[in-house]
PDB file of N, CA and C in Angstrom:
ATOM      1  N   MET A   1     -65.079  -0.642-138.805  1.00  0.00           N
ATOM      2  CA  MET A   1     -65.377  -0.152-140.090  1.00  0.00           C
ATOM      3  C   MET A   1     -64.045   0.073-140.818  1.00  0.00           C
ATOM      4  N   SER A   2     -63.919  -0.370-141.910  1.00  0.00           N
ATOM      5  CA  SER A   2     -62.733  -0.172-142.800  1.00  0.00           C
ATOM      6  C   SER A   2     -62.785   1.035-143.827  1.00  0.00           C
ATOM      7  N   LEU A   3     -61.896   1.450-144.069  1.00  0.00           N
ATOM      8  CA  LEU A   3     -61.744   2.510-145.175  1.00  0.00           C
ATOM      9  C   LEU A   3     -61.569   2.141-146.534  1.00  0.00           C
ATOM     10  N   THR A   4     -62.319   2.951-147.477  1.00  0.00           N
ATOM     11  CA  THR A   4     -62.051   2.477-148.810  1.00  0.00           C
ATOM     12  C   THR A   4     -60.802   3.059-149.211  1.00  0.00           C
ATOM     13  N   LYS A   5     -60.165   2.641-150.367  1.00  0.00           N
ATOM     14  CA  LYS A   5     -58.806   2.992-150.975  1.00  0.00           C
ATOM     15  C   LYS A   5     -58.727   4.393-151.024  1.00  0.00           C
ATOM     16  N   GLU A   6     -59.762   5.166-151.536  1.00  0.00           N
ATOM     17  CA  GLU A   6     -59.712   6.649-151.633  1.00  0.00           C
ATOM     18  C   GLU A   6     -59.772   7.176-150.370  1.00  0.00           C
ATOM     19  N   GLN A   7     -60.473   6.853-149.235  1.00  0.00           N
ATOM     20  CA  GLN A   7     -60.455   7.398-148.052  1.00  0.00           C
ATOM     21  C   GLN A   7     -59.135   7.157-147.429  1.00  0.00           C
ATOM     22  N   ALA A   8     -58.511   6.066-147.524  1.00  0.00           N
ATOM     23  CA  ALA A   8     -57.164   5.774-146.866  1.00  0.00           C
ATOM     24  C   ALA A   8     -56.127   6.642-147.458  1.00  0.00           C
ATOM     25  N   LEU A   9     -56.214   6.800-148.769  1.00  0.00           N
ATOM     26  CA  LEU A   9     -55.326   7.713-149.464  1.00  0.00           C
ATOM     27  C   LEU A   9     -55.380   9.102-149.167  1.00  0.00           C
ATOM     28  N   LYS A  10     -56.588   9.770-148.812  1.00  0.00           N
ATOM     29  CA  LYS A  10     -56.808  10.863-148.471  1.00  0.00           C
ATOM     30  C   LYS A  10     -56.368  11.184-146.977  1.00  0.00           C
ATOM     31  N   GLU A  11     -56.592  10.337-146.043  1.00  0.00           N
ATOM     32  CA  GLU A  11     -55.950  10.289-144.833  1.00  0.00           C
ATOM     33  C   GLU A  11     -54.424  10.309-144.883  1.00  0.00           C
ATOM     34  N   SER A  12     -53.919   9.537-145.764  1.00  0.00           N
ATOM     35  CA  SER A  12     -52.530   9.519-145.922  1.00  0.00           C
ATOM     36  C   SER A  12     -51.921  10.766-146.360  1.00  0.00           C
ATOM     37  N   ALA A  13     -52.594  11.376-147.245  1.00  0.00           N
ATOM     38  CA  ALA A  13     -52.208  12.787-147.786  1.00  0.00           C
ATOM     39  C   ALA A  13     -52.402  13.706-146.804  1.00  0.00           C
ATOM     40  N   ASP A  14     -53.529  13.673-145.921  1.00  0.00           N
ATOM     41  CA  ASP A  14     -53.677  14.607-144.910  1.00  0.00           C
ATOM     42  C   ASP A  14     -52.565  14.522-143.830  1.00  0.00           C
ATOM     43  N   LEU A  15     -52.052  13.317-143.466  1.00  0.00           N
ATOM     44  CA  LEU A  15     -51.048  13.099-142.566  1.00  0.00           C
ATOM     45  C   LEU A  15     -49.702  13.760-143.072  1.00  0.00           C
ATOM     46  N   LEU A  16     -49.354  13.670-144.389  1.00  0.00           N
ATOM     47  CA  LEU A  16     -48.253  14.209-144.848  1.00  0.00           C
ATOM     48  C   LEU A  16     -48.260  15.798-144.970  1.00  0.00           C
ATOM     49  N   THR A  17     -49.415  16.269-145.341  1.00  0.00           N
ATOM     50  CA  THR A  17     -49.891  17.754-145.312  1.00  0.00           C
ATOM     51  C   THR A  17     -49.515  18.357-143.825  1.00  0.00           C
ATOM     52  N   ARG A  18     -50.100  17.782-142.929  1.00  0.00           N
ATOM     53  CA  ARG A  18     -49.686  18.188-141.533  1.00  0.00           C
ATOM     54  C   ARG A  18     -48.364  18.015-141.035  1.00  0.00           C
ATOM     55  N   ARG A  19     -47.576  17.026-141.620  1.00  0.00           N
ATOM     56  CA  ARG A  19     -46.045  16.882-141.172  1.00  0.00           C
ATOM     57  C   ARG A  19     -45.289  17.796-142.088  1.00  0.00           C
ATOM     58  N   ILE A  20     -45.540  17.974-143.331  1.00  0.00           N
ATOM     59  CA  ILE A  20     -44.602  18.690-144.182  1.00  0.00           C
ATOM     60  C   ILE A  20     -44.986  20.197-144.000  1.00  0.00           C
ATOM     61  N   GLY A  21     -46.283  20.513-143.970  1.00  0.00           N
ATOM     62  CA  GLY A  21     -46.656  22.050-143.807  1.00  0.00           C
ATOM     63  C   GLY A  21     -47.088  22.720-145.071  1.00  0.00           C
ATOM     64  N   GLU A  22     -46.557  24.023-145.153  1.00  0.00           N
ATOM     65  CA  GLU A  22     -46.960  24.966-146.192  1.00  0.00           C
ATOM     66  C   GLU A  22     -46.619  24.477-147.657  1.00  0.00           C
ATOM     67  N   ARG A  23     -45.530  23.754-147.744  1.00  0.00           N
ATOM     68  CA  ARG A  23     -45.125  23.258-149.195  1.00  0.00           C
ATOM     69  C   ARG A  23     -46.267  22.268-149.672  1.00  0.00           C
ATOM     70  N   ALA A  24     -46.796  21.439-148.708  1.00  0.00           N
ATOM     71  CA  ALA A  24     -47.681  20.489-149.200  1.00  0.00           C
ATOM     72  C   ALA A  24     -49.077  21.121-149.551  1.00  0.00           C
ATOM     73  N   ASP A  25     -49.429  22.171-148.774  1.00  0.00           N
ATOM     74  CA  ASP A  25     -50.540  22.915-149.293  1.00  0.00           C
ATOM     75  C   ASP A  25     -50.523  23.346-150.598  1.00  0.00           C
ATOM     76  N   ARG A  26     -49.229  23.988-150.960  1.00  0.00           N
ATOM     77  CA  ARG A  26     -49.086  24.554-152.389  1.00  0.00           C
ATOM     78  C   ARG A  26     -49.058  23.377-153.330  1.00  0.00           C
ATOM     79  N   ASP A  27     -48.805  22.112-153.185  1.00  0.00           N
ATOM     80  CA  ASP A  27     -48.691  20.969-154.221  1.00  0.00           C
ATOM     81  C   ASP A  27     -49.247  19.874-153.727  1.00  0.00           C
ATOM     82  N   PRO A  28     -50.695  19.858-153.669  1.00  0.00           N
ATOM     83  CA  PRO A  28     -51.395  18.559-153.289  1.00  0.00           C
ATOM     84  C   PRO A  28     -51.350  17.380-154.046  1.00  0.00           C
ATOM     85  N   MET A  29     -51.067  17.673-155.497  1.00  0.00           N
ATOM     86  CA  MET A  29     -50.987  16.678-156.342  1.00  0.00           C
ATOM     87  C   MET A  29     -49.844  15.843-155.978  1.00  0.00           C
ATOM     88  N   SER A  30     -48.765  16.507-155.544  1.00  0.00           N
ATOM     89  CA  SER A  30     -47.559  15.681-155.359  1.00  0.00           C
ATOM     90  C   SER A  30     -47.688  15.059-154.012  1.00  0.00           C
ATOM     91  N   VAL A  31     -48.430  15.576-152.982  1.00  0.00           N
ATOM     92  CA  VAL A  31     -48.780  14.939-151.936  1.00  0.00           C
ATOM     93  C   VAL A  31     -49.471  13.736-151.913  1.00  0.00           C
ATOM     94  N   ALA A  32     -50.490  13.890-152.780  1.00  0.00           N
ATOM     95  CA  ALA A  32     -51.322  12.567-153.164  1.00  0.00           C
ATOM     96  C   ALA A  32     -50.363  11.542-153.889  1.00  0.00           C
ATOM     97  N   GLU A  33     -49.540  11.848-154.556  1.00  0.00           N
ATOM     98  CA  GLU A  33     -48.608  10.815-155.303  1.00  0.00           C
ATOM     99  C   GLU A  33     -47.674  10.345-154.416  1.00  0.00           C
ATOM    100  N   LEU A  34     -47.173  11.073-153.195  1.00  0.00           N
ATOM    101  CA  LEU A  34     -46.318  10.433-152.240  1.00  0.00           C
ATOM    102  C   LEU A  34     -47.225   9.430-151.478  1.00  0.00           C
ATOM    103  N   ALA A  35     -48.350   9.948-151.102  1.00  0.00           N
ATOM    104  CA  ALA A  35     -49.189   9.075-150.287  1.00  0.00           C
ATOM    105  C   ALA A  35     -49.423   7.738-150.917  1.00  0.00           C
ATOM    106  N   ALA A  36     -49.731   7.935-152.331  1.00  0.00           N
ATOM    107  CA  ALA A  36     -50.019   6.510-152.987  1.00  0.00           C
ATOM    108  C   ALA A  36     -48.758   5.737-153.004  1.00  0.00           C
ATOM    109  N   LEU A  37     -47.528   6.336-153.276  1.00  0.00           N
ATOM    110  CA  LEU A  37     -46.255   5.637-153.323  1.00  0.00           C
ATOM    111  C   LEU A  37     -45.822   4.891-152.009  1.00  0.00           C
ATOM    112  N   CYS A  38     -46.482   5.559-150.877  1.00  0.00           N
ATOM    113  CA  CYS A  38     -46.221   4.965-149.676  1.00  0.00           C
ATOM    114  C   CYS A  38     -47.162   3.765-149.207  1.00  0.00           C
ATOM    115  N   GLY A  39     -48.184   3.675-150.164  1.00  0.00           N
ATOM    116  CA  GLY A  39     -49.290   2.564-149.973  1.00  0.00           C
ATOM    117  C   GLY A  39     -50.033   2.755-148.754  1.00  0.00           C
ATOM    118  N   GLY A  40     -50.131   3.932-148.244  1.00  0.00           N
ATOM    119  CA  GLY A  40     -50.861   4.200-146.938  1.00  0.00           C
ATOM    120  C   GLY A  40     -50.254   3.678-145.720  1.00  0.00           C
ATOM    121  N   LEU A  41     -49.143   3.165-145.740  1.00  0.00           N
ATOM    122  CA  LEU A  41     -48.358   2.503-144.720  1.00  0.00           C
ATOM    123  C   LEU A  41     -47.869   3.725-143.794  1.00  0.00           C
ATOM    124  N   PRO A  42     -48.342   3.566-142.571  1.00  0.00           N
ATOM    125  CA  PRO A  42     -47.901   4.737-141.526  1.00  0.00           C
ATOM    126  C   PRO A  42     -46.377   4.905-141.345  1.00  0.00           C
ATOM    127  N   LEU A  43     -45.645   3.705-141.298  1.00  0.00           N
ATOM    128  CA  LEU A  43     -44.166   3.981-141.188  1.00  0.00           C
ATOM    129  C   LEU A  43     -43.613   4.564-142.250  1.00  0.00           C
ATOM    130  N   ALA A  44     -44.088   4.192-143.500  1.00  0.00           N
ATOM    131  CA  ALA A  44     -43.574   4.787-144.670  1.00  0.00           C
ATOM    132  C   ALA A  44     -43.835   6.232-144.935  1.00  0.00           C
ATOM    133  N   LEU A  45     -45.045   6.599-144.493  1.00  0.00           N
ATOM    134  CA  LEU A  45     -45.625   8.163-144.389  1.00  0.00           C
ATOM    135  C   LEU A  45     -44.747   9.002-143.432  1.00  0.00           C
ATOM    136  N   HIS A  46     -44.517   8.288-142.289  1.00  0.00           N
ATOM    137  CA  HIS A  46     -43.639   9.143-141.410  1.00  0.00           C
ATOM    138  C   HIS A  46     -42.187   9.178-141.954  1.00  0.00           C
ATOM    139  N   ILE A  47     -41.737   8.198-142.416  1.00  0.00           N
ATOM    140  CA  ILE A  47     -40.288   8.280-142.956  1.00  0.00           C
ATOM    141  C   ILE A  47     -40.296   9.412-143.908  1.00  0.00           C
ATOM    142  N   VAL A  48     -41.105   9.434-144.934  1.00  0.00           N
ATOM    143  CA  VAL A  48     -41.185  10.425-146.020  1.00  0.00           C
ATOM    144  C   VAL A  48     -41.400  11.721-145.479  1.00  0.00           C
ATOM    145  N   ALA A  49     -42.159  11.980-144.699  1.00  0.00           N
ATOM    146  CA  ALA A  49     -42.596  13.145-143.947  1.00  0.00           C
ATOM    147  C   ALA A  49     -41.295  13.801-143.146  1.00  0.00           C
ATOM    148  N   ASN A  50     -40.752  12.942-142.367  1.00  0.00           N
ATOM    149  CA  ASN A  50     -39.561  13.134-141.618  1.00  0.00           C
ATOM    150  C   ASN A  50     -38.333  13.555-142.479  1.00  0.00           C
ATOM    151  N   HIS A  51     -38.209  12.999-143.666  1.00  0.00           N
ATOM    152  CA  HIS A  51     -37.132  13.432-144.682  1.00  0.00           C
ATOM    153  C   HIS A  51     -37.385  14.633-145.346  1.00  0.00           C
ATOM    154  N   ILE A  52     -38.563  14.804-145.716  1.00  0.00           N
ATOM    155  CA  ILE A  52     -39.030  16.109-146.535  1.00  0.00           C
ATOM    156  C   ILE A  52     -38.938  17.412-145.679  1.00  0.00           C
ATOM    157  N   ALA A  53     -39.656  17.169-144.641  1.00  0.00           N
ATOM    158  CA  ALA A  53     -40.152  18.437-143.873  1.00  0.00           C
ATOM    159  C   ALA A  53     -38.862  19.415-143.725  1.00  0.00           C
ATOM    160  N   PRO A  54     -37.703  18.926-143.052  1.00  0.00           N
ATOM    161  CA  PRO A  54     -36.672  19.801-142.797  1.00  0.00           C
ATOM    162  C   PRO A  54     -35.881  20.276-144.192  1.00  0.00           C
ATOM    163  N   GLN A  55     -35.998  19.636-145.233  1.00  0.00           N
ATOM    164  CA  GLN A  55     -35.257  19.896-146.470  1.00  0.00           C
ATOM    165  C   GLN A  55     -36.075  20.996-147.296  1.00  0.00           C
ATOM    166  N   HIS A  56     -36.178  22.166-146.975  1.00  0.00           N
ATOM    167  CA  HIS A  56     -37.066  23.061-147.812  1.00  0.00           C
ATOM    168  C   HIS A  56     -36.538  23.219-149.254  1.00  0.00           C
ATOM    169  N   GLY A  57     -35.450  22.863-149.496  1.00  0.00           N
ATOM    170  CA  GLY A  57     -35.018  23.163-150.930  1.00  0.00           C
ATOM    171  C   GLY A  57     -35.443  21.994-151.896  1.00  0.00           C
ATOM    172  N   ILE A  58     -36.025  20.938-151.531  1.00  0.00           N
ATOM    173  CA  ILE A  58     -36.537  19.805-152.156  1.00  0.00           C
ATOM    174  C   ILE A  58     -38.033  20.091-152.614  1.00  0.00           C
ATOM    175  N   ARG A  59     -38.170  20.068-153.974  1.00  0.00           N
ATOM    176  CA  ARG A  59     -39.662  20.118-154.404  1.00  0.00           C
ATOM    177  C   ARG A  59     -40.297  18.766-154.143  1.00  0.00           C
ATOM    178  N   LEU A  60     -41.438  18.625-153.723  1.00  0.00           N
ATOM    179  CA  LEU A  60     -42.175  17.518-153.503  1.00  0.00           C
ATOM    180  C   LEU A  60     -42.406  16.700-154.729  1.00  0.00           C
ATOM    181  N   ALA A  61     -42.568  17.506-155.865  1.00  0.00           N
ATOM    182  CA  ALA A  61     -42.651  16.592-157.180  1.00  0.00           C
ATOM    183  C   ALA A  61     -41.278  15.844-157.573  1.00  0.00           C
ATOM    184  N   ASP A  62     -40.171  16.554-157.173  1.00  0.00           N
ATOM    185  CA  ASP A  62     -38.924  15.818-157.519  1.00  0.00           C
ATOM    186  C   ASP A  62     -38.881  14.786-156.437  1.00  0.00           C
ATOM    187  N   TYR A  63     -39.069  15.021-155.228  1.00  0.00           N
ATOM    188  CA  TYR A  63     -38.986  13.725-154.218  1.00  0.00           C
ATOM    189  C   TYR A  63     -39.938  12.586-154.620  1.00  0.00           C
ATOM    190  N   ALA A  64     -41.149  12.824-155.199  1.00  0.00           N
ATOM    191  CA  ALA A  64     -41.966  11.834-155.695  1.00  0.00           C
ATOM    192  C   ALA A  64     -41.504  11.087-156.837  1.00  0.00           C
ATOM    193  N   ARG A  65     -40.655  11.955-157.814  1.00  0.00           N
ATOM    194  CA  ARG A  65     -40.141  11.091-158.802  1.00  0.00           C
ATOM    195  C   ARG A  65     -38.922  10.348-158.388  1.00  0.00           C
ATOM    196  N   HIS A  66     -38.252  10.806-157.444  1.00  0.00           N
ATOM    197  CA  HIS A  66     -37.158   9.922-156.972  1.00  0.00           C
ATOM    198  C   HIS A  66     -37.608   8.621-156.275  1.00  0.00           C
ATOM    199  N   LEU A  67     -38.658   8.745-155.610  1.00  0.00           N
ATOM    200  CA  LEU A  67     -39.052   7.608-155.111  1.00  0.00           C
ATOM    201  C   LEU A  67     -39.519   6.503-156.142  1.00  0.00           C
TER     202      LEU A  67
END
């Protein structure tokens, strides 16, 4: 069974939310944008999450604009 594009983006956003934590819960639009920018690629999602998670001073919207 294959996922639709919308389902894949939702799963990608869910992965980012689990990895990033509370900031992601507060800014779901930026999380969705980051997921789309990563194209649903697991490696890209993990790299982004690993970079963002420990950097509490970075706003998700700013990081998305940077990408």
